[in-house]
Amino acid sequence: MEVLIDVGTGVERFGIEATRAGRRVEVGNARGIVEVTEVTRSGTPVRTARFMAARVVAVVEHPARDREPASAAPPETGRQGGEAR
């Protein structure tokens, strides 16, 4: 998860990620505060970051990284570039 914040002179990036298997990142918005929390499987918060909602430019969620090597990925299907149909 990436949070982009307006700091007045530009935009600053804060990265929050689930550091262990089974953990997840949750985002909440209440009373003008955006809260990003890493939680365990049981829902226990591990760490939390809070930002003023008025300063948040974007909250970007990135997909989980694959654990398989790229060579194990299925072949792409569909048209190849340059073919005319």
PDB file of N, CA and C in Angstrom:
ATOM      1  N   MET A   1       0.855  -1.154   0.000  1.00  0.00           N
ATOM      2  CA  MET A   1       0.000   0.000   0.000  1.00  0.00           C
ATOM      3  C   MET A   1       0.906   1.222   0.000  1.00  0.00           C
ATOM      4  N   GLU A   2       0.535   2.171  -0.783  1.00  0.00           N
ATOM      5  CA  GLU A   2       1.304   3.408  -0.891  1.00  0.00           C
ATOM      6  C   GLU A   2       0.349   4.572  -0.623  1.00  0.00           C
ATOM      7  N   VAL A   3       0.771   5.518   0.208  1.00  0.00           N
ATOM      8  CA  VAL A   3      -0.040   6.695   0.495  1.00  0.00           C
ATOM      9  C   VAL A   3       0.764   7.915   0.066  1.00  0.00           C
ATOM     10  N   LEU A   4       0.162   8.746  -0.795  1.00  0.00           N
ATOM     11  CA  LEU A   4       0.806   9.969  -1.271  1.00  0.00           C
ATOM     12  C   LEU A   4       0.190  11.154  -0.535  1.00  0.00           C
ATOM     13  N   ILE A   5       1.056  11.967   0.102  1.00  0.00           N
ATOM     14  CA  ILE A   5       0.620  13.070   0.948  1.00  0.00           C
ATOM     15  C   ILE A   5       1.149  14.392   0.406  1.00  0.00           C
ATOM     16  N   ASP A   6       0.287  15.406   0.360  1.00  0.00           N
ATOM     17  CA  ASP A   6       0.693  16.766  -0.013  1.00  0.00           C
ATOM     18  C   ASP A   6       1.358  17.401   1.201  1.00  0.00           C
ATOM     19  N   VAL A   7       2.663  17.721   1.059  1.00  0.00           N
ATOM     20  CA  VAL A   7       3.407  18.313   2.179  1.00  0.00           C
ATOM     21  C   VAL A   7       3.649  19.804   1.978  1.00  0.00           C
ATOM     22  N   GLY A   8       2.973  20.410   1.032  1.00  0.00           N
ATOM     23  CA  GLY A   8       3.113  21.844   0.813  1.00  0.00           C
ATOM     24  C   GLY A   8       4.103  22.180  -0.285  1.00  0.00           C
ATOM     25  N   THR A   9       5.262  21.561  -0.264  1.00  0.00           N
ATOM     26  CA  THR A   9       6.281  21.819  -1.289  1.00  0.00           C
ATOM     27  C   THR A   9       6.339  20.703  -2.322  1.00  0.00           C
ATOM     28  N   GLY A  10       5.427  19.774  -2.247  1.00  0.00           N
ATOM     29  CA  GLY A  10       5.404  18.636  -3.168  1.00  0.00           C
ATOM     30  C   GLY A  10       4.586  17.506  -2.568  1.00  0.00           C
ATOM     31  N   VAL A  11       4.838  16.316  -3.074  1.00  0.00           N
ATOM     32  CA  VAL A  11       4.128  15.132  -2.614  1.00  0.00           C
ATOM     33  C   VAL A  11       5.137  14.164  -2.024  1.00  0.00           C
ATOM     34  N   GLU A  12       4.833  13.629  -0.855  1.00  0.00           N
ATOM     35  CA  GLU A  12       5.712  12.659  -0.216  1.00  0.00           C
ATOM     36  C   GLU A  12       5.026  11.297  -0.216  1.00  0.00           C
ATOM     37  N   ARG A  13       5.818  10.238  -0.417  1.00  0.00           N
ATOM     38  CA  ARG A  13       5.307   8.878  -0.507  1.00  0.00           C
ATOM     39  C   ARG A  13       5.597   8.116   0.786  1.00  0.00           C
ATOM     40  N   PHE A  14       4.568   7.428   1.306  1.00  0.00           N
ATOM     41  CA  PHE A  14       4.730   6.562   2.462  1.00  0.00           C
ATOM     42  C   PHE A  14       4.302   5.161   2.046  1.00  0.00           C
ATOM     43  N   GLY A  15       5.137   4.180   2.298  1.00  0.00           N
ATOM     44  CA  GLY A  15       4.822   2.798   1.942  1.00  0.00           C
ATOM     45  C   GLY A  15       4.514   1.981   3.178  1.00  0.00           C
ATOM     46  N   ILE A  16       3.419   1.250   3.132  1.00  0.00           N
ATOM     47  CA  ILE A  16       3.027   0.357   4.215  1.00  0.00           C
ATOM     48  C   ILE A  16       2.739  -0.985   3.569  1.00  0.00           C
ATOM     49  N   GLU A  17       3.378  -2.048   4.073  1.00  0.00           N
ATOM     50  CA  GLU A  17       3.115  -3.356   3.494  1.00  0.00           C
ATOM     51  C   GLU A  17       3.006  -4.409   4.578  1.00  0.00           C
ATOM     52  N   ALA A  18       2.314  -5.497   4.240  1.00  0.00           N
ATOM     53  CA  ALA A  18       2.191  -6.630   5.159  1.00  0.00           C
ATOM     54  C   ALA A  18       3.540  -7.338   5.149  1.00  0.00           C
ATOM     55  N   THR A  19       4.229  -7.319   6.282  1.00  0.00           N
ATOM     56  CA  THR A  19       5.608  -7.792   6.326  1.00  0.00           C
ATOM     57  C   THR A  19       5.746  -9.297   6.485  1.00  0.00           C
ATOM     58  N   ARG A  20       4.692  -9.995   6.850  1.00  0.00           N
ATOM     59  CA  ARG A  20       4.755 -11.446   7.028  1.00  0.00           C
ATOM     60  C   ARG A  20       3.579 -12.118   6.341  1.00  0.00           C
ATOM     61  N   ALA A  21       3.732 -13.401   6.063  1.00  0.00           N
ATOM     62  CA  ALA A  21       2.655 -14.162   5.440  1.00  0.00           C
ATOM     63  C   ALA A  21       1.426 -14.162   6.342  1.00  0.00           C
ATOM     64  N   GLY A  22       0.267 -14.024   5.749  1.00  0.00           N
ATOM     65  CA  GLY A  22      -0.973 -14.040   6.510  1.00  0.00           C
ATOM     66  C   GLY A  22      -1.423 -12.691   7.012  1.00  0.00           C
ATOM     67  N   ARG A  23      -0.570 -11.694   6.944  1.00  0.00           N
ATOM     68  CA  ARG A  23      -0.973 -10.354   7.383  1.00  0.00           C
ATOM     69  C   ARG A  23      -1.593  -9.603   6.213  1.00  0.00           C
ATOM     70  N   ARG A  24      -2.364  -8.596   6.545  1.00  0.00           N
ATOM     71  CA  ARG A  24      -3.011  -7.779   5.511  1.00  0.00           C
ATOM     72  C   ARG A  24      -2.965  -6.321   5.934  1.00  0.00           C
ATOM     73  N   VAL A  25      -3.255  -5.445   4.983  1.00  0.00           N
ATOM     74  CA  VAL A  25      -3.278  -4.013   5.255  1.00  0.00           C
ATOM     75  C   VAL A  25      -4.715  -3.538   5.070  1.00  0.00           C
ATOM     76  N   GLU A  26      -5.231  -2.842   6.068  1.00  0.00           N
ATOM     77  CA  GLU A  26      -6.592  -2.307   6.009  1.00  0.00           C
ATOM     78  C   GLU A  26      -6.543  -0.789   6.024  1.00  0.00           C
ATOM     79  N   VAL A  27      -7.486  -0.171   5.315  1.00  0.00           N
ATOM     80  CA  VAL A  27      -7.564   1.292   5.240  1.00  0.00           C
ATOM     81  C   VAL A  27      -8.912   1.727   5.784  1.00  0.00           C
ATOM     82  N   GLY A  28      -8.895   2.734   6.650  1.00  0.00           N
ATOM     83  CA  GLY A  28     -10.132   3.299   7.189  1.00  0.00           C
ATOM     84  C   GLY A  28     -10.104   4.811   7.080  1.00  0.00           C
ATOM     85  N   ASN A  29     -11.297   5.410   7.030  1.00  0.00           N
ATOM     86  CA  ASN A  29     -11.402   6.855   6.918  1.00  0.00           C
ATOM     87  C   ASN A  29     -12.521   7.308   7.855  1.00  0.00           C
ATOM     88  N   ALA A  30     -12.156   8.058   8.896  1.00  0.00           N
ATOM     89  CA  ALA A  30     -13.166   8.534   9.845  1.00  0.00           C
ATOM     90  C   ALA A  30     -12.726   9.868  10.440  1.00  0.00           C
ATOM     91  N   ARG A  31     -13.670  10.798  10.537  1.00  0.00           N
ATOM     92  CA  ARG A  31     -13.439  12.103  11.166  1.00  0.00           C
ATOM     93  C   ARG A  31     -12.232  12.848  10.623  1.00  0.00           C
ATOM     94  N   GLY A  32     -12.054  12.782   9.300  1.00  0.00           N
ATOM     95  CA  GLY A  32     -10.981  13.540   8.676  1.00  0.00           C
ATOM     96  C   GLY A  32      -9.600  12.915   8.797  1.00  0.00           C
ATOM     97  N   ILE A  33      -9.530  11.660   9.213  1.00  0.00           N
ATOM     98  CA  ILE A  33      -8.254  10.948   9.353  1.00  0.00           C
ATOM     99  C   ILE A  33      -8.298   9.676   8.517  1.00  0.00           C
ATOM    100  N   VAL A  34      -7.267   9.456   7.716  1.00  0.00           N
ATOM    101  CA  VAL A  34      -7.103   8.204   6.976  1.00  0.00           C
ATOM    102  C   VAL A  34      -6.144   7.351   7.788  1.00  0.00           C
ATOM    103  N   GLU A  35      -6.569   6.140   8.128  1.00  0.00           N
ATOM    104  CA  GLU A  35      -5.762   5.244   8.951  1.00  0.00           C
ATOM    105  C   GLU A  35      -5.436   3.991   8.149  1.00  0.00           C
ATOM    106  N   VAL A  36      -4.155   3.671   8.047  1.00  0.00           N
ATOM    107  CA  VAL A  36      -3.685   2.472   7.342  1.00  0.00           C
ATOM    108  C   VAL A  36      -3.052   1.572   8.391  1.00  0.00           C
ATOM    109  N   THR A  37      -3.577   0.339   8.519  1.00  0.00           N
ATOM    110  CA  THR A  37      -3.154  -0.558   9.585  1.00  0.00           C
ATOM    111  C   THR A  37      -2.742  -1.911   9.021  1.00  0.00           C
ATOM    112  N   GLU A  38      -1.602  -2.413   9.476  1.00  0.00           N
ATOM    113  CA  GLU A  38      -1.195  -3.790   9.171  1.00  0.00           C
ATOM    114  C   GLU A  38      -1.751  -4.658  10.290  1.00  0.00           C
ATOM    115  N   VAL A  39      -2.528  -5.692   9.932  1.00  0.00           N
ATOM    116  CA  VAL A  39      -3.146  -6.552  10.935  1.00  0.00           C
ATOM    117  C   VAL A  39      -2.800  -8.018  10.694  1.00  0.00           C
ATOM    118  N   THR A  40      -2.832  -8.811  11.776  1.00  0.00           N
ATOM    119  CA  THR A  40      -2.573 -10.245  11.680  1.00  0.00           C
ATOM    120  C   THR A  40      -3.833 -10.964  11.219  1.00  0.00           C
ATOM    121  N   ARG A  41      -3.739 -12.273  11.043  1.00  0.00           N
ATOM    122  CA  ARG A  41      -4.906 -13.064  10.633  1.00  0.00           C
ATOM    123  C   ARG A  41      -6.056 -12.938  11.616  1.00  0.00           C
ATOM    124  N   SER A  42      -5.727 -12.828  12.895  1.00  0.00           N
ATOM    125  CA  SER A  42      -6.770 -12.744  13.923  1.00  0.00           C
ATOM    126  C   SER A  42      -7.332 -11.328  14.081  1.00  0.00           C
ATOM    127  N   GLY A  43      -6.759 -10.359  13.374  1.00  0.00           N
ATOM    128  CA  GLY A  43      -7.259  -8.988  13.430  1.00  0.00           C
ATOM    129  C   GLY A  43      -6.545  -8.085  14.409  1.00  0.00           C
ATOM    130  N   THR A  44      -5.462  -8.572  15.012  1.00  0.00           N
ATOM    131  CA  THR A  44      -4.685  -7.752  15.943  1.00  0.00           C
ATOM    132  C   THR A  44      -3.836  -6.750  15.170  1.00  0.00           C
ATOM    133  N   PRO A  45      -3.962  -5.449  15.452  1.00  0.00           N
ATOM    134  CA  PRO A  45      -3.140  -4.463  14.739  1.00  0.00           C
ATOM    135  C   PRO A  45      -1.668  -4.592  15.119  1.00  0.00           C
ATOM    136  N   VAL A  46      -0.795  -4.543  14.105  1.00  0.00           N
ATOM    137  CA  VAL A  46       0.649  -4.625  14.323  1.00  0.00           C
ATOM    138  C   VAL A  46       1.244  -3.224  14.315  1.00  0.00           C
ATOM    139  N   ARG A  47       0.897  -2.439  13.304  1.00  0.00           N
ATOM    140  CA  ARG A  47       1.355  -1.048  13.228  1.00  0.00           C
ATOM    141  C   ARG A  47       0.328  -0.238  12.467  1.00  0.00           C
ATOM    142  N   THR A  48       0.280   1.035  12.770  1.00  0.00           N
ATOM    143  CA  THR A  48      -0.732   1.919  12.198  1.00  0.00           C
ATOM    144  C   THR A  48      -0.097   3.232  11.777  1.00  0.00           C
ATOM    145  N   ALA A  49      -0.548   3.753  10.639  1.00  0.00           N
ATOM    146  CA  ALA A  49      -0.134   5.079  10.166  1.00  0.00           C
ATOM    147  C   ALA A  49      -1.408   5.910   9.998  1.00  0.00           C
ATOM    148  N   ARG A  50      -1.372   7.152  10.472  1.00  0.00           N
ATOM    149  CA  ARG A  50      -2.536   8.033  10.374  1.00  0.00           C
ATOM    150  C   ARG A  50      -2.152   9.303   9.616  1.00  0.00           C
ATOM    151  N   PHE A  51      -3.056   9.741   8.741  1.00  0.00           N
ATOM    152  CA  PHE A  51      -2.813  10.918   7.910  1.00  0.00           C
ATOM    153  C   PHE A  51      -4.065  11.788   7.911  1.00  0.00           C
ATOM    154  N   MET A  52      -3.887  13.105   7.847  1.00  0.00           N
ATOM    155  CA  MET A  52      -5.023  14.018   7.694  1.00  0.00           C
ATOM    156  C   MET A  52      -5.620  13.803   6.307  1.00  0.00           C
ATOM    157  N   ALA A  53      -6.912  13.537   6.250  1.00  0.00           N
ATOM    158  CA  ALA A  53      -7.568  13.229   4.976  1.00  0.00           C
ATOM    159  C   ALA A  53      -7.435  14.372   3.972  1.00  0.00           C
ATOM    160  N   ALA A  54      -7.406  15.619   4.444  1.00  0.00           N
ATOM    161  CA  ALA A  54      -7.293  16.768   3.550  1.00  0.00           C
ATOM    162  C   ALA A  54      -5.946  16.799   2.829  1.00  0.00           C
ATOM    163  N   ARG A  55      -4.928  16.140   3.389  1.00  0.00           N
ATOM    164  CA  ARG A  55      -3.589  16.130   2.799  1.00  0.00           C
ATOM    165  C   ARG A  55      -3.329  14.911   1.920  1.00  0.00           C
ATOM    166  N   VAL A  56      -4.201  13.901   1.981  1.00  0.00           N
ATOM    167  CA  VAL A  56      -3.994  12.672   1.210  1.00  0.00           C
ATOM    168  C   VAL A  56      -4.328  12.938  -0.255  1.00  0.00           C
ATOM    169  N   VAL A  57      -3.344  12.690  -1.122  1.00  0.00           N
ATOM    170  CA  VAL A  57      -3.535  12.850  -2.560  1.00  0.00           C
ATOM    171  C   VAL A  57      -4.055  11.549  -3.156  1.00  0.00           C
ATOM    172  N   ALA A  58      -3.462  10.405  -2.742  1.00  0.00           N
ATOM    173  CA  ALA A  58      -3.867   9.108  -3.282  1.00  0.00           C
ATOM    174  C   ALA A  58      -3.484   7.998  -2.316  1.00  0.00           C
ATOM    175  N   VAL A  59      -4.274   6.933  -2.352  1.00  0.00           N
ATOM    176  CA  VAL A  59      -3.947   5.694  -1.657  1.00  0.00           C
ATOM    177  C   VAL A  59      -3.908   4.630  -2.738  1.00  0.00           C
ATOM    178  N   VAL A  60      -2.740   4.020  -2.937  1.00  0.00           N
ATOM    179  CA  VAL A  60      -2.537   3.079  -4.037  1.00  0.00           C
ATOM    180  C   VAL A  60      -2.284   1.700  -3.462  1.00  0.00           C
ATOM    181  N   GLU A  61      -3.069   0.725  -3.903  1.00  0.00           N
ATOM    182  CA  GLU A  61      -2.875  -0.652  -3.463  1.00  0.00           C
ATOM    183  C   GLU A  61      -2.155  -1.416  -4.566  1.00  0.00           C
ATOM    184  N   HIS A  62      -1.045  -2.036  -4.210  1.00  0.00           N
ATOM    185  CA  HIS A  62      -0.280  -2.831  -5.157  1.00  0.00           C
ATOM    186  C   HIS A  62      -0.608  -4.301  -4.954  1.00  0.00           C
ATOM    187  N   PRO A  63      -0.671  -5.097  -6.029  1.00  0.00           N
ATOM    188  CA  PRO A  63      -0.960  -6.521  -5.860  1.00  0.00           C
ATOM    189  C   PRO A  63       0.172  -7.236  -5.125  1.00  0.00           C
ATOM    190  N   ALA A  64      -0.168  -8.330  -4.477  1.00  0.00           N
ATOM    191  CA  ALA A  64       0.845  -9.117  -3.769  1.00  0.00           C
ATOM    192  C   ALA A  64       1.855  -9.661  -4.767  1.00  0.00           C
ATOM    193  N   ARG A  65       3.080  -9.774  -4.333  1.00  0.00           N
ATOM    194  CA  ARG A  65       4.120 -10.323  -5.208  1.00  0.00           C
ATOM    195  C   ARG A  65       3.913 -11.819  -5.378  1.00  0.00           C
ATOM    196  N   ASP A  66       4.148 -12.313  -6.602  1.00  0.00           N
ATOM    197  CA  ASP A  66       4.063 -13.749  -6.860  1.00  0.00           C
ATOM    198  C   ASP A  66       5.259 -14.447  -6.264  1.00  0.00           C
ATOM    199  N   ARG A  67       5.033 -15.619  -5.735  1.00  0.00           N
ATOM    200  CA  ARG A  67       6.126 -16.401  -5.167  1.00  0.00           C
ATOM    201  C   ARG A  67       6.730 -17.345  -6.202  1.00  0.00           C
ATOM    202  N   GLU A  68       6.043 -17.554  -7.344  1.00  0.00           N
ATOM    203  CA  GLU A  68       6.546 -18.420  -8.400  1.00  0.00           C
ATOM    204  C   GLU A  68       7.462 -17.634  -9.331  1.00  0.00           C
ATOM    205  N   PRO A  69       8.478 -18.298  -9.897  1.00  0.00           N
ATOM    206  CA  PRO A  69       9.313 -17.605 -10.877  1.00  0.00           C
ATOM    207  C   PRO A  69       8.519 -17.282 -12.133  1.00  0.00           C
ATOM    208  N   ALA A  70       8.933 -16.270 -12.854  1.00  0.00           N
ATOM    209  CA  ALA A  70       8.211 -15.816 -14.050  1.00  0.00           C
ATOM    210  C   ALA A  70       8.125 -16.906 -15.110  1.00  0.00           C
ATOM    211  N   SER A  71       9.087 -17.839 -15.174  1.00  0.00           N
ATOM    212  CA  SER A  71       9.075 -18.887 -16.186  1.00  0.00           C
ATOM    213  C   SER A  71       7.933 -19.870 -15.971  1.00  0.00           C
ATOM    214  N   ALA A  72       7.359 -19.940 -14.767  1.00  0.00           N
ATOM    215  CA  ALA A  72       6.265 -20.853 -14.469  1.00  0.00           C
ATOM    216  C   ALA A  72       4.908 -20.255 -14.824  1.00  0.00           C
ATOM    217  N   ALA A  73       4.878 -18.999 -15.245  1.00  0.00           N
ATOM    218  CA  ALA A  73       3.626 -18.336 -15.598  1.00  0.00           C
ATOM    219  C   ALA A  73       3.073 -18.936 -16.884  1.00  0.00           C
ATOM    220  N   PRO A  74       1.736 -19.014 -17.002  1.00  0.00           N
ATOM    221  CA  PRO A  74       1.153 -19.558 -18.230  1.00  0.00           C
ATOM    222  C   PRO A  74       1.449 -18.645 -19.418  1.00  0.00           C
ATOM    223  N   PRO A  75       1.535 -19.205 -20.614  1.00  0.00           N
ATOM    224  CA  PRO A  75       1.827 -18.375 -21.788  1.00  0.00           C
ATOM    225  C   PRO A  75       0.686 -17.403 -22.061  1.00  0.00           C
ATOM    226  N   GLU A  76       1.040 -16.247 -22.606  1.00  0.00           N
ATOM    227  CA  GLU A  76       0.029 -15.239 -22.943  1.00  0.00           C
ATOM    228  C   GLU A  76      -0.784 -15.708 -24.132  1.00  0.00           C
ATOM    229  N   THR A  77      -2.064 -15.366 -24.152  1.00  0.00           N
ATOM    230  CA  THR A  77      -2.923 -15.703 -25.275  1.00  0.00           C
ATOM    231  C   THR A  77      -3.394 -14.421 -25.927  1.00  0.00           C
ATOM    232  N   GLY A  78      -3.929 -14.538 -27.126  1.00  0.00           N
ATOM    233  CA  GLY A  78      -4.437 -13.349 -27.805  1.00  0.00           C
ATOM    234  C   GLY A  78      -3.555 -12.992 -28.989  1.00  0.00           C
ATOM    235  N   ARG A  79      -3.894 -11.883 -29.625  1.00  0.00           N
ATOM    236  CA  ARG A  79      -3.160 -11.444 -30.803  1.00  0.00           C
ATOM    237  C   ARG A  79      -1.788 -10.939 -30.452  1.00  0.00           C
ATOM    238  N   GLN A  80      -0.858 -11.212 -31.324  1.00  0.00           N
ATOM    239  CA  GLN A  80       0.492 -10.687 -31.186  1.00  0.00           C
ATOM    240  C   GLN A  80       0.529  -9.332 -31.887  1.00  0.00           C
ATOM    241  N   GLY A  81       1.406  -8.463 -31.421  1.00  0.00           N
ATOM    242  CA  GLY A  81       1.528  -7.145 -32.044  1.00  0.00           C
ATOM    243  C   GLY A  81       1.964  -7.252 -33.501  1.00  0.00           C
ATOM    244  N   GLY A  82       1.420  -6.412 -34.345  1.00  0.00           N
ATOM    245  CA  GLY A  82       1.819  -6.371 -35.747  1.00  0.00           C
ATOM    246  C   GLY A  82       0.948  -7.197 -36.671  1.00  0.00           C
ATOM    247  N   GLU A  83       0.059  -8.014 -36.150  1.00  0.00           N
ATOM    248  CA  GLU A  83      -0.809  -8.806 -37.010  1.00  0.00           C
ATOM    249  C   GLU A  83      -1.998  -7.952 -37.449  1.00  0.00           C
ATOM    250  N   ALA A  84      -2.360  -8.060 -38.689  1.00  0.00           N
ATOM    251  CA  ALA A  84      -3.534  -7.351 -39.197  1.00  0.00           C
ATOM    252  C   ALA A  84      -4.670  -8.332 -39.351  1.00  0.00           C
ATOM    253  N   ARG A  85      -5.846  -7.981 -38.854  1.00  0.00           N
ATOM    254  CA  ARG A  85      -7.022  -8.855 -38.996  1.00  0.00           C
ATOM    255  C   ARG A  85      -8.208  -8.045 -39.388  1.00  0.00           C
TER     256      ARG A  85
END
